[in-house]
Amino acid sequence: EVREDHGDYYARSTAAPGTWQIDAAVGEAVSRQMDSFRNKQLLSFGDEDPDKIEVHTGATALFLTRGGTTWWSAGTKMDSGSVEDLVSALRSLAATGFVNSGFTSPTIRLTVTSGGGKQVETVEVQKTKDGAVARRDGESTQYAITSDMLEMLTNAISGVKPVVPAKK
């Protein structure tokens, strides 16, 4: 058992009699809620550049493949800045917390392939009145996402465009 008193933390155990003052960092760590230790990142490709990105939202399907530093979609060279905005939005896609229910049918389905095709991650997102609920493929955990995070993601998806050829 750990208790806090004016910034000092004290612990006691059933294994030994007495109460001991413990380091504040230890006291704060054991006093945190369990959810604060859970990973809230929905995609874990981190700083690595993804090899492929697949997005399904409504009637829109977007398939992006990276070749070197160039992104392609169905044989069309894509604007690297707009794709990097999407990659950045995917990297920062994180939950604010966890929910027990609410996910029924996805409005956005994201699949990111990285690590030379060795890591494939799929996330489904469902818009709600307060933001969104998401889940990773193969997991039962449901993640709460803010409306700002959802807006950043949807803007990044709709902002992906092909390279505009230079005028002669």
N, C-alpha and C. Protein backbone atom coordinates (compact mmCIF):
# COMPACT_ATOMS: atom_id res chain seq x y z
N GLU A 1 0.86 -1.17 0.00
CA GLU A 1 0.00 0.00 0.00
C GLU A 1 0.91 1.24 0.00
N VAL A 2 0.57 2.22 -0.85
CA VAL A 2 1.34 3.46 -0.93
C VAL A 2 0.39 4.62 -0.69
N ARG A 3 0.84 5.54 0.14
CA ARG A 3 0.04 6.74 0.44
C ARG A 3 0.91 7.97 0.31
N GLU A 4 0.28 9.06 -0.03
CA GLU A 4 1.00 10.33 -0.21
C GLU A 4 0.57 11.30 0.89
N ASP A 5 1.54 12.03 1.44
CA ASP A 5 1.27 13.02 2.47
C ASP A 5 2.15 14.23 2.20
N HIS A 6 1.55 15.30 1.68
CA HIS A 6 2.25 16.55 1.41
C HIS A 6 3.51 16.35 0.55
N GLY A 7 3.39 15.55 -0.50
CA GLY A 7 4.51 15.32 -1.41
C GLY A 7 5.45 14.21 -1.00
N ASP A 8 5.29 13.68 0.20
CA ASP A 8 6.10 12.55 0.64
C ASP A 8 5.27 11.27 0.47
N TYR A 9 5.93 10.20 0.08
CA TYR A 9 5.25 8.93 -0.14
C TYR A 9 5.72 7.91 0.89
N TYR A 10 4.74 7.16 1.40
CA TYR A 10 5.01 6.15 2.41
C TYR A 10 4.41 4.83 1.94
N ALA A 11 5.12 3.74 2.23
CA ALA A 11 4.66 2.42 1.81
C ALA A 11 4.68 1.47 2.99
N ARG A 12 3.77 0.50 2.92
CA ARG A 12 3.81 -0.58 3.89
C ARG A 12 3.39 -1.85 3.16
N SER A 13 3.78 -2.95 3.73
CA SER A 13 3.58 -4.24 3.09
C SER A 13 3.00 -5.22 4.10
N THR A 14 2.31 -6.22 3.59
CA THR A 14 1.83 -7.29 4.47
C THR A 14 2.94 -8.29 4.76
N ALA A 15 4.05 -8.18 4.00
CA ALA A 15 5.16 -9.12 4.20
C ALA A 15 6.06 -8.72 5.36
N ALA A 16 6.04 -7.44 5.74
CA ALA A 16 6.91 -6.98 6.83
C ALA A 16 6.21 -5.86 7.58
N PRO A 17 6.39 -5.81 8.89
CA PRO A 17 5.73 -4.76 9.68
C PRO A 17 6.41 -3.41 9.46
N GLY A 18 5.66 -2.33 9.67
CA GLY A 18 6.23 -0.99 9.61
C GLY A 18 5.81 -0.22 8.36
N THR A 19 6.14 1.05 8.39
CA THR A 19 5.86 1.96 7.28
C THR A 19 7.17 2.64 6.92
N TRP A 20 7.47 2.74 5.60
CA TRP A 20 8.72 3.33 5.14
C TRP A 20 8.46 4.45 4.16
N GLN A 21 9.28 5.48 4.25
CA GLN A 21 9.21 6.55 3.27
C GLN A 21 9.93 6.05 2.01
N ILE A 22 9.28 6.28 0.85
CA ILE A 22 9.87 5.84 -0.41
C ILE A 22 10.11 7.05 -1.31
N ASP A 23 10.92 6.84 -2.33
CA ASP A 23 11.23 7.89 -3.29
C ASP A 23 9.95 8.37 -3.96
N ALA A 24 9.85 9.67 -4.20
CA ALA A 24 8.64 10.26 -4.79
C ALA A 24 8.35 9.68 -6.17
N ALA A 25 9.37 9.40 -6.97
CA ALA A 25 9.16 8.85 -8.31
C ALA A 25 8.50 7.48 -8.23
N VAL A 26 8.91 6.67 -7.25
CA VAL A 26 8.30 5.35 -7.07
C VAL A 26 6.86 5.51 -6.61
N GLY A 27 6.64 6.41 -5.68
CA GLY A 27 5.29 6.66 -5.18
C GLY A 27 4.35 7.14 -6.27
N GLU A 28 4.82 8.04 -7.11
CA GLU A 28 4.00 8.53 -8.21
C GLU A 28 3.72 7.43 -9.23
N ALA A 29 4.71 6.60 -9.50
CA ALA A 29 4.53 5.52 -10.48
C ALA A 29 3.50 4.51 -10.02
N VAL A 30 3.55 4.09 -8.77
CA VAL A 30 2.59 3.09 -8.31
C VAL A 30 1.22 3.70 -8.03
N SER A 31 1.13 5.01 -7.96
CA SER A 31 -0.15 5.66 -7.73
C SER A 31 -0.91 5.94 -9.04
N ARG A 32 -0.23 5.78 -10.17
CA ARG A 32 -0.86 6.05 -11.47
C ARG A 32 -1.91 5.00 -11.79
N GLN A 33 -2.88 5.41 -12.58
CA GLN A 33 -3.90 4.48 -13.06
C GLN A 33 -3.26 3.51 -14.05
N MET A 34 -3.77 2.31 -14.15
CA MET A 34 -3.22 1.29 -15.04
C MET A 34 -3.20 1.74 -16.50
N ASP A 35 -4.25 2.46 -16.94
CA ASP A 35 -4.31 2.90 -18.33
C ASP A 35 -3.17 3.84 -18.72
N SER A 36 -2.60 4.52 -17.73
CA SER A 36 -1.51 5.45 -18.05
C SER A 36 -0.24 4.72 -18.47
N PHE A 37 -0.14 3.43 -18.19
CA PHE A 37 1.01 2.62 -18.59
C PHE A 37 0.81 1.98 -19.96
N ARG A 38 -0.41 1.99 -20.47
CA ARG A 38 -0.71 1.32 -21.73
C ARG A 38 -0.27 2.17 -22.92
N ASN A 39 0.14 1.51 -23.99
CA ASN A 39 0.54 2.19 -25.21
C ASN A 39 -0.69 2.75 -25.90
N LYS A 40 -0.67 4.03 -26.18
CA LYS A 40 -1.81 4.68 -26.82
C LYS A 40 -1.59 4.93 -28.31
N GLN A 41 -0.39 4.62 -28.81
CA GLN A 41 -0.11 4.76 -30.24
C GLN A 41 -0.86 3.68 -31.00
N LEU A 42 -1.56 4.06 -32.06
CA LEU A 42 -2.33 3.08 -32.82
C LEU A 42 -1.47 2.37 -33.87
N LEU A 43 -0.44 3.03 -34.35
CA LEU A 43 0.47 2.43 -35.33
C LEU A 43 1.89 2.51 -34.77
N SER A 44 2.67 1.46 -34.98
CA SER A 44 3.98 1.42 -34.34
C SER A 44 5.15 1.44 -35.31
N PHE A 45 4.95 1.98 -36.52
CA PHE A 45 6.08 2.02 -37.45
C PHE A 45 7.08 3.11 -37.08
N GLY A 46 6.71 4.00 -36.18
CA GLY A 46 7.63 4.99 -35.62
C GLY A 46 8.31 5.87 -36.64
N ASP A 47 9.64 6.00 -36.53
CA ASP A 47 10.40 6.86 -37.43
C ASP A 47 10.71 6.21 -38.76
N GLU A 48 10.42 4.94 -38.88
CA GLU A 48 10.68 4.22 -40.12
C GLU A 48 9.69 4.67 -41.20
N ASP A 49 10.16 4.81 -42.43
CA ASP A 49 9.26 5.16 -43.53
C ASP A 49 8.47 3.93 -43.94
N PRO A 50 7.14 4.04 -44.03
CA PRO A 50 6.35 2.89 -44.45
C PRO A 50 6.62 2.55 -45.92
N ASP A 51 6.40 1.29 -46.27
CA ASP A 51 6.57 0.83 -47.65
C ASP A 51 5.28 1.01 -48.44
N LYS A 52 4.15 0.76 -47.78
CA LYS A 52 2.83 0.87 -48.41
C LYS A 52 1.84 1.45 -47.42
N ILE A 53 0.89 2.18 -47.96
CA ILE A 53 -0.22 2.71 -47.16
C ILE A 53 -1.49 2.45 -47.95
N GLU A 54 -2.47 1.87 -47.28
CA GLU A 54 -3.76 1.61 -47.90
C GLU A 54 -4.83 2.27 -47.04
N VAL A 55 -5.68 3.07 -47.67
CA VAL A 55 -6.73 3.79 -46.95
C VAL A 55 -8.06 3.52 -47.63
N HIS A 56 -9.05 3.14 -46.84
CA HIS A 56 -10.42 2.99 -47.33
C HIS A 56 -11.30 3.87 -46.46
N THR A 57 -11.99 4.81 -47.07
CA THR A 57 -12.92 5.67 -46.35
C THR A 57 -14.10 5.96 -47.27
N GLY A 58 -15.27 5.49 -46.88
CA GLY A 58 -16.43 5.66 -47.75
C GLY A 58 -16.19 4.97 -49.09
N ALA A 59 -16.43 5.70 -50.16
CA ALA A 59 -16.23 5.15 -51.51
C ALA A 59 -14.80 5.35 -51.99
N THR A 60 -13.96 6.00 -51.18
CA THR A 60 -12.59 6.29 -51.57
C THR A 60 -11.64 5.18 -51.13
N ALA A 61 -10.81 4.76 -52.06
CA ALA A 61 -9.76 3.80 -51.75
C ALA A 61 -8.45 4.39 -52.28
N LEU A 62 -7.45 4.42 -51.44
CA LEU A 62 -6.16 5.00 -51.78
C LEU A 62 -5.08 3.96 -51.50
N PHE A 63 -4.29 3.63 -52.53
CA PHE A 63 -3.20 2.67 -52.39
C PHE A 63 -1.91 3.39 -52.73
N LEU A 64 -1.03 3.53 -51.77
CA LEU A 64 0.24 4.22 -51.96
C LEU A 64 1.39 3.25 -51.75
N THR A 65 2.37 3.30 -52.65
CA THR A 65 3.55 2.46 -52.56
C THR A 65 4.77 3.34 -52.70
N ARG A 66 5.77 3.11 -51.85
CA ARG A 66 6.98 3.91 -51.88
C ARG A 66 8.05 3.17 -52.66
N GLY A 67 8.69 3.90 -53.56
CA GLY A 67 9.83 3.39 -54.30
C GLY A 67 10.97 4.36 -54.11
N GLY A 68 11.91 4.04 -53.23
CA GLY A 68 12.97 5.00 -52.88
C GLY A 68 12.37 6.13 -52.08
N THR A 69 12.44 7.34 -52.63
CA THR A 69 11.84 8.50 -51.97
C THR A 69 10.56 8.95 -52.67
N THR A 70 10.13 8.19 -53.67
CA THR A 70 8.96 8.56 -54.47
C THR A 70 7.77 7.70 -54.09
N TRP A 71 6.62 8.33 -53.98
CA TRP A 71 5.38 7.63 -53.69
C TRP A 71 4.56 7.50 -54.96
N TRP A 72 3.94 6.34 -55.15
CA TRP A 72 3.14 6.04 -56.34
C TRP A 72 1.77 5.53 -55.92
N SER A 73 0.79 5.82 -56.77
CA SER A 73 -0.55 5.27 -56.60
C SER A 73 -1.08 4.89 -57.98
N ALA A 74 -1.30 3.62 -58.20
CA ALA A 74 -1.82 3.10 -59.47
C ALA A 74 -1.02 3.63 -60.67
N GLY A 75 0.30 3.63 -60.55
CA GLY A 75 1.16 4.08 -61.64
C GLY A 75 1.32 5.58 -61.76
N THR A 76 0.71 6.33 -60.88
CA THR A 76 0.80 7.79 -60.89
C THR A 76 1.72 8.26 -59.78
N LYS A 77 2.67 9.11 -60.13
CA LYS A 77 3.58 9.67 -59.13
C LYS A 77 2.80 10.65 -58.26
N MET A 78 2.95 10.49 -56.95
CA MET A 78 2.20 11.31 -56.01
C MET A 78 3.07 12.44 -55.45
N ASP A 79 2.42 13.52 -55.06
CA ASP A 79 3.10 14.66 -54.44
C ASP A 79 3.67 14.21 -53.10
N SER A 80 4.99 14.24 -52.99
CA SER A 80 5.63 13.71 -51.78
C SER A 80 5.25 14.50 -50.53
N GLY A 81 5.03 15.79 -50.65
CA GLY A 81 4.64 16.60 -49.49
C GLY A 81 3.29 16.19 -48.95
N SER A 82 2.34 15.93 -49.84
CA SER A 82 1.01 15.53 -49.38
C SER A 82 1.02 14.13 -48.76
N VAL A 83 1.85 13.24 -49.30
CA VAL A 83 1.96 11.89 -48.73
C VAL A 83 2.68 11.96 -47.38
N GLU A 84 3.70 12.81 -47.27
CA GLU A 84 4.40 12.95 -45.99
C GLU A 84 3.48 13.52 -44.92
N ASP A 85 2.54 14.40 -45.31
CA ASP A 85 1.55 14.88 -44.35
C ASP A 85 0.70 13.72 -43.83
N LEU A 86 0.33 12.80 -44.72
CA LEU A 86 -0.43 11.62 -44.31
C LEU A 86 0.42 10.73 -43.40
N VAL A 87 1.68 10.50 -43.76
CA VAL A 87 2.57 9.68 -42.93
C VAL A 87 2.70 10.30 -41.54
N SER A 88 2.85 11.61 -41.50
CA SER A 88 2.96 12.31 -40.21
C SER A 88 1.68 12.14 -39.38
N ALA A 89 0.53 12.24 -40.03
CA ALA A 89 -0.75 12.06 -39.32
C ALA A 89 -0.86 10.63 -38.79
N LEU A 90 -0.41 9.66 -39.58
CA LEU A 90 -0.45 8.26 -39.13
C LEU A 90 0.50 8.03 -37.96
N ARG A 91 1.67 8.66 -38.02
CA ARG A 91 2.64 8.52 -36.91
C ARG A 91 2.07 9.06 -35.60
N SER A 92 1.34 10.16 -35.70
CA SER A 92 0.86 10.81 -34.48
C SER A 92 -0.52 10.32 -34.06
N LEU A 93 -1.07 9.35 -34.76
CA LEU A 93 -2.39 8.83 -34.42
C LEU A 93 -2.32 8.09 -33.08
N ALA A 94 -2.86 8.74 -32.06
CA ALA A 94 -2.79 8.20 -30.71
C ALA A 94 -4.11 8.43 -29.99
N ALA A 95 -4.39 7.56 -29.06
CA ALA A 95 -5.62 7.65 -28.29
C ALA A 95 -5.43 8.56 -27.08
N THR A 96 -6.54 9.09 -26.62
CA THR A 96 -6.52 9.85 -25.37
C THR A 96 -6.91 8.96 -24.20
N GLY A 97 -7.47 7.81 -24.53
CA GLY A 97 -7.88 6.87 -23.50
C GLY A 97 -8.45 5.62 -24.13
N PHE A 98 -9.11 4.82 -23.31
CA PHE A 98 -9.66 3.55 -23.76
C PHE A 98 -11.14 3.51 -23.43
N VAL A 99 -11.91 2.86 -24.27
CA VAL A 99 -13.35 2.70 -24.04
C VAL A 99 -13.68 1.22 -24.07
N ASN A 100 -14.78 0.86 -23.42
CA ASN A 100 -15.19 -0.54 -23.35
C ASN A 100 -16.11 -0.95 -24.48
N SER A 101 -16.77 0.02 -25.09
CA SER A 101 -17.71 -0.30 -26.17
C SER A 101 -17.87 0.92 -27.07
N GLY A 102 -18.63 0.74 -28.14
CA GLY A 102 -18.90 1.86 -29.03
C GLY A 102 -18.49 1.61 -30.46
N PHE A 103 -17.59 0.66 -30.68
CA PHE A 103 -17.15 0.39 -32.04
C PHE A 103 -18.10 -0.61 -32.68
N THR A 104 -18.72 -0.22 -33.80
CA THR A 104 -19.62 -1.13 -34.50
C THR A 104 -19.18 -1.34 -35.95
N SER A 105 -18.99 -0.26 -36.70
CA SER A 105 -18.56 -0.41 -38.09
C SER A 105 -17.61 0.73 -38.44
N PRO A 106 -16.49 0.41 -39.09
CA PRO A 106 -15.48 1.43 -39.37
C PRO A 106 -15.92 2.39 -40.48
N THR A 107 -15.50 3.65 -40.33
CA THR A 107 -15.67 4.63 -41.40
C THR A 107 -14.35 4.84 -42.14
N ILE A 108 -13.24 4.49 -41.49
CA ILE A 108 -11.91 4.56 -42.10
C ILE A 108 -11.18 3.27 -41.75
N ARG A 109 -10.53 2.70 -42.75
CA ARG A 109 -9.68 1.51 -42.53
C ARG A 109 -8.30 1.83 -43.09
N LEU A 110 -7.29 1.74 -42.24
CA LEU A 110 -5.91 2.06 -42.60
C LEU A 110 -5.05 0.80 -42.49
N THR A 111 -4.23 0.55 -43.49
CA THR A 111 -3.26 -0.54 -43.42
C THR A 111 -1.91 0.04 -43.80
N VAL A 112 -0.94 -0.12 -42.91
CA VAL A 112 0.41 0.40 -43.12
C VAL A 112 1.38 -0.77 -43.10
N THR A 113 2.17 -0.88 -44.16
CA THR A 113 3.18 -1.93 -44.26
C THR A 113 4.54 -1.28 -44.14
N SER A 114 5.39 -1.83 -43.28
CA SER A 114 6.73 -1.26 -43.07
C SER A 114 7.72 -2.39 -42.83
N GLY A 115 8.98 -2.02 -42.64
CA GLY A 115 10.01 -3.02 -42.35
C GLY A 115 10.25 -3.97 -43.50
N GLY A 116 10.19 -3.45 -44.74
CA GLY A 116 10.40 -4.32 -45.89
C GLY A 116 9.30 -5.35 -46.06
N GLY A 117 8.09 -5.01 -45.64
CA GLY A 117 6.95 -5.91 -45.77
C GLY A 117 6.77 -6.85 -44.58
N LYS A 118 7.64 -6.74 -43.59
CA LYS A 118 7.56 -7.65 -42.44
C LYS A 118 6.53 -7.24 -41.41
N GLN A 119 6.20 -5.95 -41.36
CA GLN A 119 5.24 -5.47 -40.37
C GLN A 119 4.03 -4.87 -41.09
N VAL A 120 2.87 -5.46 -40.88
CA VAL A 120 1.63 -4.98 -41.46
C VAL A 120 0.68 -4.66 -40.32
N GLU A 121 0.25 -3.41 -40.25
CA GLU A 121 -0.65 -2.97 -39.18
C GLU A 121 -1.94 -2.44 -39.79
N THR A 122 -3.06 -2.84 -39.24
CA THR A 122 -4.35 -2.37 -39.71
C THR A 122 -5.11 -1.75 -38.54
N VAL A 123 -5.65 -0.57 -38.79
CA VAL A 123 -6.44 0.15 -37.79
C VAL A 123 -7.76 0.55 -38.43
N GLU A 124 -8.84 0.32 -37.71
CA GLU A 124 -10.16 0.76 -38.15
C GLU A 124 -10.63 1.87 -37.23
N VAL A 125 -11.24 2.89 -37.83
CA VAL A 125 -11.69 4.07 -37.09
C VAL A 125 -13.17 4.30 -37.38
N GLN A 126 -13.92 4.55 -36.34
CA GLN A 126 -15.33 4.87 -36.48
C GLN A 126 -15.59 6.24 -35.87
N LYS A 127 -16.16 7.13 -36.66
CA LYS A 127 -16.49 8.46 -36.16
C LYS A 127 -17.64 8.36 -35.17
N THR A 128 -17.54 9.16 -34.09
CA THR A 128 -18.59 9.24 -33.09
C THR A 128 -18.94 10.71 -32.88
N LYS A 129 -19.92 10.97 -32.04
CA LYS A 129 -20.30 12.37 -31.79
C LYS A 129 -19.21 13.15 -31.06
N ASP A 130 -18.36 12.46 -30.30
CA ASP A 130 -17.30 13.11 -29.52
C ASP A 130 -15.93 13.05 -30.17
N GLY A 131 -15.80 12.39 -31.30
CA GLY A 131 -14.51 12.20 -31.94
C GLY A 131 -14.52 10.91 -32.71
N ALA A 132 -13.84 9.89 -32.18
CA ALA A 132 -13.82 8.60 -32.85
C ALA A 132 -13.41 7.50 -31.88
N VAL A 133 -13.74 6.28 -32.28
CA VAL A 133 -13.30 5.08 -31.58
C VAL A 133 -12.51 4.28 -32.61
N ALA A 134 -11.38 3.74 -32.20
CA ALA A 134 -10.54 2.97 -33.12
C ALA A 134 -10.18 1.64 -32.49
N ARG A 135 -9.80 0.72 -33.36
CA ARG A 135 -9.28 -0.56 -32.87
C ARG A 135 -8.27 -1.08 -33.87
N ARG A 136 -7.31 -1.78 -33.33
CA ARG A 136 -6.29 -2.42 -34.15
C ARG A 136 -6.80 -3.80 -34.55
N ASP A 137 -6.43 -4.21 -35.76
CA ASP A 137 -6.86 -5.50 -36.27
C ASP A 137 -6.36 -6.62 -35.36
N GLY A 138 -7.26 -7.51 -34.98
CA GLY A 138 -6.89 -8.64 -34.15
C GLY A 138 -6.87 -8.35 -32.66
N GLU A 139 -7.25 -7.15 -32.26
CA GLU A 139 -7.28 -6.79 -30.83
C GLU A 139 -8.69 -6.39 -30.43
N SER A 140 -9.02 -6.60 -29.19
CA SER A 140 -10.33 -6.20 -28.70
C SER A 140 -10.32 -4.81 -28.07
N THR A 141 -9.14 -4.27 -27.81
CA THR A 141 -9.02 -2.95 -27.19
C THR A 141 -9.61 -1.89 -28.11
N GLN A 142 -10.39 -0.98 -27.52
CA GLN A 142 -10.96 0.13 -28.26
C GLN A 142 -10.36 1.43 -27.74
N TYR A 143 -9.89 2.26 -28.65
CA TYR A 143 -9.18 3.48 -28.32
C TYR A 143 -10.07 4.69 -28.58
N ALA A 144 -10.07 5.64 -27.66
CA ALA A 144 -10.80 6.89 -27.85
C ALA A 144 -9.88 7.89 -28.54
N ILE A 145 -10.39 8.53 -29.59
CA ILE A 145 -9.62 9.52 -30.34
C ILE A 145 -10.39 10.83 -30.34
N THR A 146 -9.69 11.94 -30.18
CA THR A 146 -10.34 13.25 -30.16
C THR A 146 -10.81 13.63 -31.56
N SER A 147 -11.76 14.55 -31.61
CA SER A 147 -12.24 15.05 -32.90
C SER A 147 -11.12 15.78 -33.65
N ASP A 148 -10.21 16.44 -32.92
CA ASP A 148 -9.08 17.12 -33.57
C ASP A 148 -8.15 16.12 -34.25
N MET A 149 -7.89 15.01 -33.59
CA MET A 149 -7.05 13.96 -34.17
C MET A 149 -7.72 13.37 -35.41
N LEU A 150 -9.03 13.14 -35.32
CA LEU A 150 -9.77 12.61 -36.46
C LEU A 150 -9.75 13.59 -37.62
N GLU A 151 -9.92 14.87 -37.34
CA GLU A 151 -9.90 15.89 -38.39
C GLU A 151 -8.52 15.96 -39.05
N MET A 152 -7.46 15.89 -38.26
CA MET A 152 -6.10 15.90 -38.81
C MET A 152 -5.92 14.72 -39.76
N LEU A 153 -6.39 13.55 -39.37
CA LEU A 153 -6.27 12.36 -40.19
C LEU A 153 -7.08 12.49 -41.48
N THR A 154 -8.33 12.88 -41.38
CA THR A 154 -9.17 12.99 -42.58
C THR A 154 -8.67 14.07 -43.53
N ASN A 155 -8.15 15.18 -42.99
CA ASN A 155 -7.58 16.22 -43.86
C ASN A 155 -6.33 15.71 -44.58
N ALA A 156 -5.51 14.93 -43.88
CA ALA A 156 -4.31 14.38 -44.49
C ALA A 156 -4.67 13.38 -45.59
N ILE A 157 -5.71 12.58 -45.36
CA ILE A 157 -6.14 11.61 -46.37
C ILE A 157 -6.66 12.34 -47.60
N SER A 158 -7.53 13.33 -47.40
CA SER A 158 -8.11 14.05 -48.54
C SER A 158 -7.09 14.95 -49.23
N GLY A 159 -5.98 15.27 -48.55
CA GLY A 159 -4.96 16.14 -49.14
C GLY A 159 -3.96 15.42 -50.03
N VAL A 160 -3.96 14.09 -50.05
CA VAL A 160 -3.03 13.35 -50.90
C VAL A 160 -3.41 13.58 -52.35
N LYS A 161 -2.41 14.00 -53.15
CA LYS A 161 -2.69 14.33 -54.55
C LYS A 161 -1.51 13.92 -55.43
N PRO A 162 -1.77 13.78 -56.72
CA PRO A 162 -0.68 13.44 -57.64
C PRO A 162 0.21 14.66 -57.89
N VAL A 163 1.40 14.39 -58.42
CA VAL A 163 2.31 15.47 -58.79
C VAL A 163 1.71 16.22 -59.96
N VAL A 164 1.74 17.54 -59.87
CA VAL A 164 1.28 18.39 -60.96
C VAL A 164 2.46 18.62 -61.90
N PRO A 165 2.32 18.23 -63.19
CA PRO A 165 3.42 18.42 -64.11
C PRO A 165 3.72 19.91 -64.31
N ALA A 166 5.02 20.21 -64.44
CA ALA A 166 5.44 21.60 -64.64
C ALA A 166 4.99 22.08 -66.02
N LYS A 167 4.54 23.34 -66.07
CA LYS A 167 4.12 23.93 -67.34
C LYS A 167 5.35 24.28 -68.16
N LYS A 168 5.24 24.08 -69.46
CA LYS A 168 6.36 24.39 -70.37
C LYS A 168 6.33 25.80 -70.84
